[in-house]
Amino acid sequence: MKNAIEFAVSATGTSIAAISTATQTNEALQTIQLIITICAAVVTFITGIVGLVVRIISWYKKAKSDGKIDESEWEELGGLVKDGLHEGKTNLEAINEATKKGKK
């Protein structure tokens, strides 16, 4: 009878330890997933900024090719910046959504 009680207590303790370990592993994996999601989102955002800078430099070279920048070229720059800001806003919203999903 004493062996049966010791076995039951041991089995219960082992079960609790196994459940605790599984929970800790799941939490660790969720944390790793969140970190990877944030890193990917940051890389995407930085890529968007670099893309905008490249487009502005390209615009500048094209606009300055005739020696002056006229009004239509300034409007083109405004459109480039507006599109870039919209793209950045979209990326930030995606980052926000991804981090919300990672916290669940």
Protein backbone atom coordinates (compact mmCIF):
# COMPACT_ATOMS: atom_id res chain seq x y z
CA MET A 1 0.00 0.00 0.00
CA LYS A 2 2.87 2.33 0.85
CA ASN A 3 4.41 1.69 -2.60
CA ALA A 4 1.10 2.51 -4.31
CA ILE A 5 0.86 5.85 -2.48
CA GLU A 6 4.48 6.69 -3.26
CA PHE A 7 3.87 5.78 -6.90
CA ALA A 8 0.74 7.98 -7.05
CA VAL A 9 2.56 10.91 -5.45
CA SER A 10 5.55 10.42 -7.74
CA ALA A 11 3.34 10.15 -10.82
CA THR A 12 1.45 13.28 -9.82
CA GLY A 13 4.67 15.20 -9.25
CA THR A 14 6.06 14.01 -12.58
CA SER A 15 2.84 15.00 -14.36
CA ILE A 16 2.89 18.48 -12.84
CA ALA A 17 6.55 18.89 -13.83
CA ALA A 18 5.81 17.75 -17.39
CA ILE A 19 2.87 20.15 -17.73
CA SER A 20 4.96 22.99 -16.30
CA THR A 21 7.80 22.26 -18.71
CA ALA A 22 5.42 22.12 -21.67
CA THR A 23 3.92 25.46 -20.66
CA GLN A 24 7.34 27.06 -20.27
CA THR A 25 8.42 25.70 -23.66
CA ASN A 26 5.28 27.09 -25.30
CA GLU A 27 5.87 30.51 -23.72
CA ALA A 28 9.49 30.47 -24.86
CA LEU A 29 8.45 29.60 -28.41
CA GLN A 30 5.83 32.35 -28.41
CA THR A 31 8.48 34.84 -27.26
CA ILE A 32 10.85 33.71 -29.99
CA GLN A 33 8.06 33.99 -32.55
CA LEU A 34 7.26 37.52 -31.39
CA ILE A 35 10.92 38.56 -31.62
CA ILE A 36 11.23 37.14 -35.14
CA THR A 37 8.00 38.88 -36.19
CA ILE A 38 9.21 42.21 -34.86
CA CYS A 39 12.61 41.81 -36.55
CA ALA A 40 10.98 40.97 -39.88
CA ALA A 41 8.65 43.94 -39.58
CA VAL A 42 11.53 46.30 -38.78
CA VAL A 43 13.49 45.02 -41.78
CA THR A 44 10.42 45.56 -43.97
CA PHE A 45 10.03 49.10 -42.63
CA ILE A 46 13.71 49.94 -43.18
CA THR A 47 13.51 48.51 -46.70
CA GLY A 48 10.57 50.81 -47.37
CA ILE A 49 12.54 53.83 -46.16
CA VAL A 50 15.55 52.88 -48.28
CA GLY A 51 13.25 52.42 -51.27
CA LEU A 52 11.80 55.89 -50.75
CA VAL A 53 15.27 57.43 -50.49
CA VAL A 54 16.34 55.67 -53.71
CA ARG A 55 13.22 56.97 -55.50
CA ILE A 56 13.91 60.52 -54.27
CA ILE A 57 17.54 60.35 -55.42
CA SER A 58 16.42 59.04 -58.80
CA TRP A 59 13.83 61.81 -59.03
CA TYR A 60 16.47 64.43 -58.16
CA LYS A 61 18.90 63.20 -60.82
CA LYS A 62 16.13 63.19 -63.43
CA ALA A 63 14.77 66.59 -62.37
CA LYS A 64 18.21 68.22 -62.31
CA SER A 65 19.18 66.79 -65.70
CA ASP A 66 17.97 69.96 -67.47
CA GLY A 67 19.60 72.25 -64.88
CA LYS A 68 16.44 73.35 -63.06
CA ILE A 69 13.49 71.86 -61.22
CA ASP A 70 10.11 73.12 -62.44
CA GLU A 71 6.71 73.02 -60.75
CA SER A 72 5.56 69.75 -62.31
CA GLU A 73 8.71 68.04 -61.05
CA TRP A 74 8.01 69.33 -57.52
CA GLU A 75 4.50 67.91 -57.79
CA GLU A 76 6.01 64.59 -58.88
CA LEU A 77 8.25 64.67 -55.78
CA GLY A 78 5.20 65.37 -53.63
CA GLY A 79 3.50 62.31 -55.09
CA LEU A 80 6.58 60.18 -54.43
CA VAL A 81 6.74 61.29 -50.80
CA LYS A 82 3.00 60.85 -50.31
CA ASP A 83 3.18 57.30 -51.72
CA GLY A 84 6.22 56.54 -49.55
CA LEU A 85 4.49 57.80 -46.41
CA HIS A 86 1.39 55.77 -47.23
CA GLU A 87 3.56 52.68 -47.70
CA GLY A 88 5.30 53.39 -44.38
CA LYS A 89 1.97 53.79 -42.62
CA THR A 90 0.80 50.47 -44.08
CA ASN A 91 4.00 48.80 -42.86
CA LEU A 92 3.56 50.25 -39.37
CA GLU A 93 0.00 48.98 -39.24
CA ALA A 94 1.23 45.54 -40.30
CA ILE A 95 3.88 45.65 -37.54
CA ASN A 96 1.21 46.58 -35.02
CA GLU A 97 -1.07 43.76 -36.12
CA ALA A 98 1.78 41.24 -36.12
CA THR A 99 2.80 42.15 -32.58
CA LYS A 100 -0.80 41.95 -31.40
CA LYS A 101 -1.09 38.44 -32.85
CA GLY A 102 2.21 37.46 -31.24
CA LYS A 103 1.00 38.53 -27.78
CA LYS A 104 -2.03 36.25 -27.88
